[in-house]
């Protein structure tokens, strides 16, 4: 652990709320493994989301639907082992909470007990109200998620911007208020108009964290593999690439291959 990290306190639900109260933006990224989580934590990230996007970027699936609860727990365990400062939030995967509130509670308890994570996240509003209430009654913090909800992609049929029409926007506003009222500590808003994000953020006391939702959210989240350019073909409008690691790692690999073929690696100094 670096000297800088050792001086920083653990981020909690209280910390996140305090950040909104004083107007400090919240920075969140995804993590699925020990090595990346350690880098992000030591860099000072506020929240690490063990996202079901692991289904896409780690396993190569087309959607988030195939990843299982056991697999999410495995990824969460790896991340928690690396973290000293950041709050770790874990997605409840598709099928682990929608059927009924008992299954939802059982899934959330498994994540918390087996991974050591600090909170869970799940998608939906009034449709999953009972599941959220039951999880909260067990003392488990819950982060909500409205707007584009990837676990419902086959229902939507597209990854286009959500809540552009008045009826859907009004439902999102209503669901956001509901999630706050029943006790969610924060809310992810994905791929909705910036004007709606502003309205939601101003209407809520709890923090909002946007992805493709504009500047008015109380924080921002990106998939780390997208942010550092490990992924190559995913290029949504909202994504800013801070590195191009796909190309850099490819170049390094080609150099390694060339050195091995030319018997330039290992050198005399690199052997025993």
C-alpha atoms as a PDB file:
ATOM      1  CA  UNK A   1       0.000   0.000   0.000  1.00  0.00           C
ATOM      2  CA  UNK A   2       1.360   3.410  -0.952  1.00  0.00           C
ATOM      3  CA  UNK A   3       1.992   6.218   1.540  1.00  0.00           C
ATOM      4  CA  UNK A   4      -0.798   8.226  -0.056  1.00  0.00           C
ATOM      5  CA  UNK A   5      -3.320   5.409   0.252  1.00  0.00           C
ATOM      6  CA  UNK A   6      -2.404   4.746   3.879  1.00  0.00           C
ATOM      7  CA  UNK A   7      -3.463   8.288   4.772  1.00  0.00           C
ATOM      8  CA  UNK A   8      -6.922   7.879   3.243  1.00  0.00           C
ATOM      9  CA  UNK A   9      -9.887   6.580   5.206  1.00  0.00           C
ATOM     10  CA  UNK A  10     -12.229   3.868   3.971  1.00  0.00           C
ATOM     11  CA  UNK A  11     -15.014   5.212   1.760  1.00  0.00           C
ATOM     12  CA  UNK A  12     -18.464   4.330   3.125  1.00  0.00           C
ATOM     13  CA  UNK A  13     -22.103   5.148   2.418  1.00  0.00           C
ATOM     14  CA  UNK A  14     -21.638   8.037   4.852  1.00  0.00           C
ATOM     15  CA  UNK A  15     -18.638   9.300   2.881  1.00  0.00           C
ATOM     16  CA  UNK A  16     -20.568   9.152  -0.386  1.00  0.00           C
ATOM     17  CA  UNK A  17     -23.463  11.138   1.072  1.00  0.00           C
ATOM     18  CA  UNK A  18     -21.057  13.710   2.529  1.00  0.00           C
ATOM     19  CA  UNK A  19     -19.502  14.152  -0.908  1.00  0.00           C
ATOM     20  CA  UNK A  20     -22.876  15.005  -2.423  1.00  0.00           C
ATOM     21  CA  UNK A  21     -23.695  17.338   0.451  1.00  0.00           C
ATOM     22  CA  UNK A  22     -20.546  19.389  -0.109  1.00  0.00           C
ATOM     23  CA  UNK A  23     -20.673  19.252  -3.904  1.00  0.00           C
ATOM     24  CA  UNK A  24     -17.688  16.945  -4.422  1.00  0.00           C
ATOM     25  CA  UNK A  25     -18.100  14.663  -7.430  1.00  0.00           C
ATOM     26  CA  UNK A  26     -17.888  10.894  -6.882  1.00  0.00           C
ATOM     27  CA  UNK A  27     -15.563   8.810  -9.071  1.00  0.00           C
ATOM     28  CA  UNK A  28     -16.492   5.178  -9.701  1.00  0.00           C
ATOM     29  CA  UNK A  29     -14.952   2.521 -11.967  1.00  0.00           C
ATOM     30  CA  UNK A  30     -15.452  -1.190 -12.472  1.00  0.00           C
ATOM     31  CA  UNK A  31     -13.040  -3.877 -11.261  1.00  0.00           C
ATOM     32  CA  UNK A  32     -13.125  -7.644 -11.586  1.00  0.00           C
ATOM     33  CA  UNK A  33      -9.673  -8.831 -10.466  1.00  0.00           C
ATOM     34  CA  UNK A  34      -7.049  -8.239  -7.778  1.00  0.00           C
ATOM     35  CA  UNK A  35      -4.385  -6.553  -9.909  1.00  0.00           C
ATOM     36  CA  UNK A  36      -6.608  -3.934 -11.525  1.00  0.00           C
ATOM     37  CA  UNK A  37      -8.469  -3.258  -8.280  1.00  0.00           C
ATOM     38  CA  UNK A  38      -5.192  -2.599  -6.491  1.00  0.00           C
ATOM     39  CA  UNK A  39      -4.130  -0.053  -9.117  1.00  0.00           C
ATOM     40  CA  UNK A  40      -7.465   1.755  -9.032  1.00  0.00           C
ATOM     41  CA  UNK A  41      -7.663   1.757  -5.247  1.00  0.00           C
ATOM     42  CA  UNK A  42      -4.169   3.160  -4.805  1.00  0.00           C
ATOM     43  CA  UNK A  43      -4.970   5.832  -7.403  1.00  0.00           C
ATOM     44  CA  UNK A  44      -7.743   7.061  -5.108  1.00  0.00           C
ATOM     45  CA  UNK A  45     -10.968   5.857  -6.738  1.00  0.00           C
ATOM     46  CA  UNK A  46     -14.001   6.355  -4.482  1.00  0.00           C
ATOM     47  CA  UNK A  47     -16.124   3.351  -5.474  1.00  0.00           C
ATOM     48  CA  UNK A  48     -15.226   0.122  -7.237  1.00  0.00           C
ATOM     49  CA  UNK A  49     -18.142  -1.621  -8.900  1.00  0.00           C
ATOM     50  CA  UNK A  50     -17.795  -5.339  -9.419  1.00  0.00           C
ATOM     51  CA  UNK A  51     -20.138  -5.096 -12.355  1.00  0.00           C
ATOM     52  CA  UNK A  52     -22.000  -7.802 -14.194  1.00  0.00           C
ATOM     53  CA  UNK A  53     -20.233  -6.234 -17.175  1.00  0.00           C
ATOM     54  CA  UNK A  54     -17.628  -8.874 -16.313  1.00  0.00           C
ATOM     55  CA  UNK A  55     -19.868 -11.049 -18.455  1.00  0.00           C
ATOM     56  CA  UNK A  56     -18.851  -8.919 -21.448  1.00  0.00           C
ATOM     57  CA  UNK A  57     -15.279  -7.787 -20.831  1.00  0.00           C
ATOM     58  CA  UNK A  58     -13.946 -10.797 -18.894  1.00  0.00           C
ATOM     59  CA  UNK A  59     -15.934 -13.691 -20.370  1.00  0.00           C
ATOM     60  CA  UNK A  60     -16.735 -12.384 -23.852  1.00  0.00           C
ATOM     61  CA  UNK A  61     -20.516 -12.756 -23.692  1.00  0.00           C
ATOM     62  CA  UNK A  62     -22.729 -10.523 -25.815  1.00  0.00           C
ATOM     63  CA  UNK A  63     -24.837  -9.446 -22.832  1.00  0.00           C
ATOM     64  CA  UNK A  64     -24.614  -9.339 -19.034  1.00  0.00           C
ATOM     65  CA  UNK A  65     -27.241 -12.070 -18.649  1.00  0.00           C
ATOM     66  CA  UNK A  66     -25.073 -15.235 -18.605  1.00  0.00           C
ATOM     67  CA  UNK A  67     -22.908 -14.400 -15.590  1.00  0.00           C
ATOM     68  CA  UNK A  68     -23.849 -16.318 -12.454  1.00  0.00           C
ATOM     69  CA  UNK A  69     -23.983 -15.446  -8.778  1.00  0.00           C
ATOM     70  CA  UNK A  70     -21.050 -17.770  -8.079  1.00  0.00           C
ATOM     71  CA  UNK A  71     -18.992 -16.011 -10.743  1.00  0.00           C
ATOM     72  CA  UNK A  72     -19.866 -12.570  -9.364  1.00  0.00           C
ATOM     73  CA  UNK A  73     -18.793 -13.676  -5.902  1.00  0.00           C
ATOM     74  CA  UNK A  74     -15.483 -14.948  -7.303  1.00  0.00           C
ATOM     75  CA  UNK A  75     -14.766 -11.596  -8.971  1.00  0.00           C
ATOM     76  CA  UNK A  76     -15.850  -9.697  -5.846  1.00  0.00           C
ATOM     77  CA  UNK A  77     -13.549 -11.756  -3.615  1.00  0.00           C
ATOM     78  CA  UNK A  78     -10.614 -10.918  -5.877  1.00  0.00           C
ATOM     79  CA  UNK A  79     -11.388  -7.193  -5.776  1.00  0.00           C
ATOM     80  CA  UNK A  80     -11.982  -6.992  -2.023  1.00  0.00           C
ATOM     81  CA  UNK A  81      -8.582  -8.578  -1.325  1.00  0.00           C
ATOM     82  CA  UNK A  82      -6.906  -5.678  -3.151  1.00  0.00           C
ATOM     83  CA  UNK A  83      -8.780  -2.755  -1.656  1.00  0.00           C
ATOM     84  CA  UNK A  84      -7.830  -0.592   1.322  1.00  0.00           C
ATOM     85  CA  UNK A  85      -9.762   2.621   0.642  1.00  0.00           C
ATOM     86  CA  UNK A  86     -12.508   2.312  -1.969  1.00  0.00           C
ATOM     87  CA  UNK A  87     -16.053   1.192  -1.300  1.00  0.00           C
ATOM     88  CA  UNK A  88     -16.773  -2.085  -3.120  1.00  0.00           C
ATOM     89  CA  UNK A  89     -20.253  -2.486  -4.615  1.00  0.00           C
ATOM     90  CA  UNK A  90     -21.283  -5.740  -6.312  1.00  0.00           C
ATOM     91  CA  UNK A  91     -23.959  -6.207  -8.958  1.00  0.00           C
ATOM     92  CA  UNK A  92     -26.638  -8.764  -8.267  1.00  0.00           C
ATOM     93  CA  UNK A  93     -26.662 -10.710 -11.555  1.00  0.00           C
ATOM     94  CA  UNK A  94     -29.680 -11.492 -13.703  1.00  0.00           C
ATOM     95  CA  UNK A  95     -31.913 -14.108 -12.099  1.00  0.00           C
ATOM     96  CA  UNK A  96     -30.592 -13.613  -8.579  1.00  0.00           C
ATOM     97  CA  UNK A  97     -33.247 -11.170  -7.353  1.00  0.00           C
ATOM     98  CA  UNK A  98     -36.115 -10.748  -9.836  1.00  0.00           C
ATOM     99  CA  UNK A  99     -38.133 -13.870  -8.973  1.00  0.00           C
ATOM    100  CA  UNK A 100     -38.976 -12.962  -5.376  1.00  0.00           C
ATOM    101  CA  UNK A 101     -37.620 -11.118  -2.376  1.00  0.00           C
ATOM    102  CA  UNK A 102     -36.465 -14.277  -0.579  1.00  0.00           C
ATOM    103  CA  UNK A 103     -34.158 -15.194  -3.457  1.00  0.00           C
ATOM    104  CA  UNK A 104     -32.963 -11.580  -3.601  1.00  0.00           C
ATOM    105  CA  UNK A 105     -32.074 -11.573   0.100  1.00  0.00           C
ATOM    106  CA  UNK A 106     -30.317 -14.921  -0.143  1.00  0.00           C
ATOM    107  CA  UNK A 107     -28.253 -13.680  -3.108  1.00  0.00           C
ATOM    108  CA  UNK A 108     -27.286 -10.449  -1.356  1.00  0.00           C
ATOM    109  CA  UNK A 109     -26.329 -12.262   1.838  1.00  0.00           C
ATOM    110  CA  UNK A 110     -24.097 -14.652  -0.103  1.00  0.00           C
ATOM    111  CA  UNK A 111     -22.297 -11.739  -1.772  1.00  0.00           C
ATOM    112  CA  UNK A 112     -21.717  -9.937   1.511  1.00  0.00           C
ATOM    113  CA  UNK A 113     -20.655 -13.013   3.527  1.00  0.00           C
ATOM    114  CA  UNK A 114     -18.542 -14.750   0.887  1.00  0.00           C
ATOM    115  CA  UNK A 115     -16.839 -11.739  -0.705  1.00  0.00           C
ATOM    116  CA  UNK A 116     -16.569  -9.153   2.056  1.00  0.00           C
ATOM    117  CA  UNK A 117     -18.037  -6.456  -0.202  1.00  0.00           C
ATOM    118  CA  UNK A 118     -19.674  -3.354   1.224  1.00  0.00           C
ATOM    119  CA  UNK A 119     -22.919  -3.055  -0.773  1.00  0.00           C
ATOM    120  CA  UNK A 120     -24.923  -4.537  -3.628  1.00  0.00           C
ATOM    121  CA  UNK A 121     -26.457  -2.960  -6.723  1.00  0.00           C
ATOM    122  CA  UNK A 122     -29.520  -4.046  -8.650  1.00  0.00           C
ATOM    123  CA  UNK A 123     -31.508  -2.772 -11.597  1.00  0.00           C
ATOM    124  CA  UNK A 124     -35.082  -1.516 -11.626  1.00  0.00           C
ATOM    125  CA  UNK A 125     -37.594   0.605  -9.759  1.00  0.00           C
ATOM    126  CA  UNK A 126     -41.031  -0.296  -8.451  1.00  0.00           C
ATOM    127  CA  UNK A 127     -40.747  -3.743 -10.054  1.00  0.00           C
ATOM    128  CA  UNK A 128     -38.082  -4.780  -7.542  1.00  0.00           C
ATOM    129  CA  UNK A 129     -39.275  -2.737  -4.563  1.00  0.00           C
ATOM    130  CA  UNK A 130     -39.962  -5.737  -2.334  1.00  0.00           C
ATOM    131  CA  UNK A 131     -36.583  -7.270  -3.074  1.00  0.00           C
ATOM    132  CA  UNK A 132     -34.795  -4.034  -2.185  1.00  0.00           C
ATOM    133  CA  UNK A 133     -36.781  -3.620   1.022  1.00  0.00           C
ATOM    134  CA  UNK A 134     -35.953  -7.125   2.156  1.00  0.00           C
ATOM    135  CA  UNK A 135     -32.243  -6.697   1.453  1.00  0.00           C
ATOM    136  CA  UNK A 136     -32.213  -3.376   3.299  1.00  0.00           C
ATOM    137  CA  UNK A 137     -33.998  -4.903   6.296  1.00  0.00           C
ATOM    138  CA  UNK A 138     -31.030  -7.279   6.618  1.00  0.00           C
ATOM    139  CA  UNK A 139     -28.714  -4.279   6.962  1.00  0.00           C
ATOM    140  CA  UNK A 140     -27.189  -4.559   3.496  1.00  0.00           C
ATOM    141  CA  UNK A 141     -26.670  -1.224   1.662  1.00  0.00           C
ATOM    142  CA  UNK A 142     -28.280  -1.077  -1.772  1.00  0.00           C
ATOM    143  CA  UNK A 143     -27.361   1.052  -4.783  1.00  0.00           C
ATOM    144  CA  UNK A 144     -30.162   1.413  -7.328  1.00  0.00           C
ATOM    145  CA  UNK A 145     -29.902   1.551 -11.125  1.00  0.00           C
ATOM    146  CA  UNK A 146     -32.375   3.237 -13.491  1.00  0.00           C
ATOM    147  CA  UNK A 147     -32.457   4.262 -17.137  1.00  0.00           C
ATOM    148  CA  UNK A 148     -30.832   1.778 -19.477  1.00  0.00           C
ATOM    149  CA  UNK A 149     -30.799  -1.449 -17.479  1.00  0.00           C
ATOM    150  CA  UNK A 150     -28.645  -3.942 -19.403  1.00  0.00           C
ATOM    151  CA  UNK A 151     -30.210  -6.991 -17.776  1.00  0.00           C
ATOM    152  CA  UNK A 152     -33.441  -6.016 -19.568  1.00  0.00           C
ATOM    153  CA  UNK A 153     -31.804  -5.601 -22.969  1.00  0.00           C
ATOM    154  CA  UNK A 154     -34.038  -8.160 -24.684  1.00  0.00           C
ATOM    155  CA  UNK A 155     -37.077  -6.284 -23.402  1.00  0.00           C
ATOM    156  CA  UNK A 156     -35.761  -2.968 -24.769  1.00  0.00           C
ATOM    157  CA  UNK A 157     -34.282  -4.510 -27.912  1.00  0.00           C
ATOM    158  CA  UNK A 158     -31.676  -1.737 -28.141  1.00  0.00           C
ATOM    159  CA  UNK A 159     -28.986   0.059 -26.158  1.00  0.00           C
ATOM    160  CA  UNK A 160     -30.383   3.444 -27.205  1.00  0.00           C
ATOM    161  CA  UNK A 161     -30.889   6.350 -24.791  1.00  0.00           C
ATOM    162  CA  UNK A 162     -33.785   5.749 -22.389  1.00  0.00           C
ATOM    163  CA  UNK A 163     -36.462   8.074 -20.972  1.00  0.00           C
ATOM    164  CA  UNK A 164     -36.551  10.484 -23.889  1.00  0.00           C
ATOM    165  CA  UNK A 165     -40.339  10.318 -23.941  1.00  0.00           C
ATOM    166  CA  UNK A 166     -42.359  12.029 -21.228  1.00  0.00           C
ATOM    167  CA  UNK A 167     -44.057   8.898 -19.867  1.00  0.00           C
ATOM    168  CA  UNK A 168     -40.803   7.007 -19.365  1.00  0.00           C
ATOM    169  CA  UNK A 169     -39.122  10.099 -17.923  1.00  0.00           C
ATOM    170  CA  UNK A 170     -41.932  10.518 -15.396  1.00  0.00           C
ATOM    171  CA  UNK A 171     -41.671   6.855 -14.377  1.00  0.00           C
ATOM    172  CA  UNK A 172     -37.926   7.233 -13.914  1.00  0.00           C
ATOM    173  CA  UNK A 173     -38.445  10.274 -11.694  1.00  0.00           C
ATOM    174  CA  UNK A 174     -41.048   8.379  -9.687  1.00  0.00           C
ATOM    175  CA  UNK A 175     -38.829   5.310  -9.369  1.00  0.00           C
ATOM    176  CA  UNK A 176     -35.859   7.439  -8.296  1.00  0.00           C
ATOM    177  CA  UNK A 177     -37.928   8.946  -5.495  1.00  0.00           C
ATOM    178  CA  UNK A 178     -39.164   5.501  -4.512  1.00  0.00           C
ATOM    179  CA  UNK A 179     -35.653   4.073  -4.334  1.00  0.00           C
ATOM    180  CA  UNK A 180     -34.567   6.946  -2.118  1.00  0.00           C
ATOM    181  CA  UNK A 181     -37.620   6.640   0.112  1.00  0.00           C
ATOM    182  CA  UNK A 182     -37.160   2.917   0.746  1.00  0.00           C
ATOM    183  CA  UNK A 183     -33.505   3.424   1.670  1.00  0.00           C
ATOM    184  CA  UNK A 184     -31.105   3.099  -1.293  1.00  0.00           C
ATOM    185  CA  UNK A 185     -27.908   5.024  -0.517  1.00  0.00           C
ATOM    186  CA  UNK A 186     -27.171   5.988  -4.143  1.00  0.00           C
ATOM    187  CA  UNK A 187     -28.504   5.601  -7.649  1.00  0.00           C
ATOM    188  CA  UNK A 188     -26.855   4.863 -11.003  1.00  0.00           C
ATOM    189  CA  UNK A 189     -28.460   6.617 -13.973  1.00  0.00           C
ATOM    190  CA  UNK A 190     -27.476   5.028 -17.282  1.00  0.00           C
ATOM    191  CA  UNK A 191     -27.845   6.537 -20.730  1.00  0.00           C
ATOM    192  CA  UNK A 192     -30.607   9.087 -20.148  1.00  0.00           C
ATOM    193  CA  UNK A 193     -30.853  12.728 -21.303  1.00  0.00           C
ATOM    194  CA  UNK A 194     -28.635  15.139 -19.356  1.00  0.00           C
ATOM    195  CA  UNK A 195     -31.620  17.374 -18.597  1.00  0.00           C
ATOM    196  CA  UNK A 196     -33.408  14.478 -16.913  1.00  0.00           C
ATOM    197  CA  UNK A 197     -30.287  13.610 -14.927  1.00  0.00           C
ATOM    198  CA  UNK A 198     -30.188  17.177 -13.662  1.00  0.00           C
ATOM    199  CA  UNK A 199     -33.829  17.005 -12.612  1.00  0.00           C
ATOM    200  CA  UNK A 200     -33.369  13.680 -10.825  1.00  0.00           C
ATOM    201  CA  UNK A 201     -30.157  14.751  -9.081  1.00  0.00           C
ATOM    202  CA  UNK A 202     -31.699  17.969  -7.802  1.00  0.00           C
ATOM    203  CA  UNK A 203     -34.830  16.187  -6.595  1.00  0.00           C
ATOM    204  CA  UNK A 204     -32.948  13.586  -4.544  1.00  0.00           C
ATOM    205  CA  UNK A 205     -30.979  13.854  -1.331  1.00  0.00           C
ATOM    206  CA  UNK A 206     -28.988  10.696  -2.142  1.00  0.00           C
ATOM    207  CA  UNK A 207     -26.165  10.792  -4.720  1.00  0.00           C
ATOM    208  CA  UNK A 208     -26.662   9.952  -8.386  1.00  0.00           C
ATOM    209  CA  UNK A 209     -23.874   8.397 -10.451  1.00  0.00           C
ATOM    210  CA  UNK A 210     -24.132   8.714 -14.203  1.00  0.00           C
ATOM    211  CA  UNK A 211     -22.912   6.711 -17.161  1.00  0.00           C
ATOM    212  CA  UNK A 212     -23.849   8.332 -20.430  1.00  0.00           C
ATOM    213  CA  UNK A 213     -26.136  10.592 -18.421  1.00  0.00           C
ATOM    214  CA  UNK A 214     -24.345  13.937 -18.601  1.00  0.00           C
ATOM    215  CA  UNK A 215     -22.485  16.239 -16.264  1.00  0.00           C
ATOM    216  CA  UNK A 216     -25.283  16.900 -13.766  1.00  0.00           C
ATOM    217  CA  UNK A 217     -24.993  13.580 -11.904  1.00  0.00           C
ATOM    218  CA  UNK A 218     -23.254  13.666  -8.530  1.00  0.00           C
ATOM    219  CA  UNK A 219     -20.631  11.242  -9.833  1.00  0.00           C
ATOM    220  CA  UNK A 220     -19.544   9.281 -12.875  1.00  0.00           C
ATOM    221  CA  UNK A 221     -18.817   5.622 -13.618  1.00  0.00           C
ATOM    222  CA  UNK A 222     -17.168   3.910 -16.575  1.00  0.00           C
ATOM    223  CA  UNK A 223     -16.159   0.345 -17.326  1.00  0.00           C
ATOM    224  CA  UNK A 224     -12.418   0.401 -16.645  1.00  0.00           C
ATOM    225  CA  UNK A 225     -11.581  -1.760 -19.658  1.00  0.00           C
ATOM    226  CA  UNK A 226     -13.296   0.829 -21.854  1.00  0.00           C
ATOM    227  CA  UNK A 227     -11.687   3.783 -20.083  1.00  0.00           C
ATOM    228  CA  UNK A 228      -8.134   2.475 -20.525  1.00  0.00           C
ATOM    229  CA  UNK A 229      -8.692   1.166 -24.041  1.00  0.00           C
ATOM    230  CA  UNK A 230      -8.365  -2.564 -23.442  1.00  0.00           C
ATOM    231  CA  UNK A 231     -11.632  -2.981 -25.309  1.00  0.00           C
ATOM    232  CA  UNK A 232     -11.352  -1.968 -28.950  1.00  0.00           C
ATOM    233  CA  UNK A 233     -14.694  -1.918 -30.740  1.00  0.00           C
ATOM    234  CA  UNK A 234     -16.980  -0.394 -28.081  1.00  0.00           C
ATOM    235  CA  UNK A 235     -17.168   3.326 -28.887  1.00  0.00           C
ATOM    236  CA  UNK A 236     -20.292   4.944 -27.412  1.00  0.00           C
ATOM    237  CA  UNK A 237     -20.629   8.710 -27.400  1.00  0.00           C
ATOM    238  CA  UNK A 238     -20.226   8.941 -23.624  1.00  0.00           C
ATOM    239  CA  UNK A 239     -16.929   7.041 -23.441  1.00  0.00           C
ATOM    240  CA  UNK A 240     -13.643   8.899 -23.012  1.00  0.00           C
ATOM    241  CA  UNK A 241     -10.569   6.711 -23.465  1.00  0.00           C
ATOM    242  CA  UNK A 242      -7.704   7.811 -21.233  1.00  0.00           C
ATOM    243  CA  UNK A 243      -5.325   5.176 -22.638  1.00  0.00           C
ATOM    244  CA  UNK A 244      -5.158   2.913 -25.695  1.00  0.00           C
ATOM    245  CA  UNK A 245      -3.913  -0.270 -24.035  1.00  0.00           C
ATOM    246  CA  UNK A 246      -5.176  -2.579 -26.770  1.00  0.00           C
ATOM    247  CA  UNK A 247      -2.564  -1.130 -29.108  1.00  0.00           C
ATOM    248  CA  UNK A 248       0.135  -0.702 -26.448  1.00  0.00           C
ATOM    249  CA  UNK A 249      -0.163  -4.265 -25.180  1.00  0.00           C
ATOM    250  CA  UNK A 250      -0.235  -5.538 -28.741  1.00  0.00           C
ATOM    251  CA  UNK A 251       2.970  -3.638 -29.528  1.00  0.00           C
ATOM    252  CA  UNK A 252       4.653  -5.000 -26.394  1.00  0.00           C
ATOM    253  CA  UNK A 253       3.579  -8.537 -27.269  1.00  0.00           C
ATOM    254  CA  UNK A 254       4.923  -8.242 -30.797  1.00  0.00           C
ATOM    255  CA  UNK A 255       8.249  -6.986 -29.419  1.00  0.00           C
ATOM    256  CA  UNK A 256       8.391  -9.914 -26.998  1.00  0.00           C
ATOM    257  CA  UNK A 257       7.655 -12.398 -29.781  1.00  0.00           C
ATOM    258  CA  UNK A 258      10.367 -10.874 -31.961  1.00  0.00           C
ATOM    259  CA  UNK A 259      12.922 -11.023 -29.143  1.00  0.00           C
ATOM    260  CA  UNK A 260      12.122 -14.669 -28.376  1.00  0.00           C
ATOM    261  CA  UNK A 261      12.330 -15.662 -32.047  1.00  0.00           C
ATOM    262  CA  UNK A 262      15.633 -13.814 -32.459  1.00  0.00           C
ATOM    263  CA  UNK A 263      17.038 -15.349 -29.244  1.00  0.00           C
ATOM    264  CA  UNK A 264      17.423 -11.863 -27.764  1.00  0.00           C
ATOM    265  CA  UNK A 265      15.335 -12.797 -24.728  1.00  0.00           C
ATOM    266  CA  UNK A 266      16.445 -13.815 -22.186  1.00  0.00           C
ATOM    267  CA  UNK A 267      19.808 -12.063 -22.115  1.00  0.00           C
ATOM    268  CA  UNK A 268      22.759 -13.071 -19.963  1.00  0.00           C
ATOM    269  CA  UNK A 269      21.477 -10.729 -17.239  1.00  0.00           C
ATOM    270  CA  UNK A 270      18.043 -12.351 -17.350  1.00  0.00           C
ATOM    271  CA  UNK A 271      19.091 -15.888 -16.551  1.00  0.00           C
ATOM    272  CA  UNK A 272      20.588 -17.766 -13.595  1.00  0.00           C
END
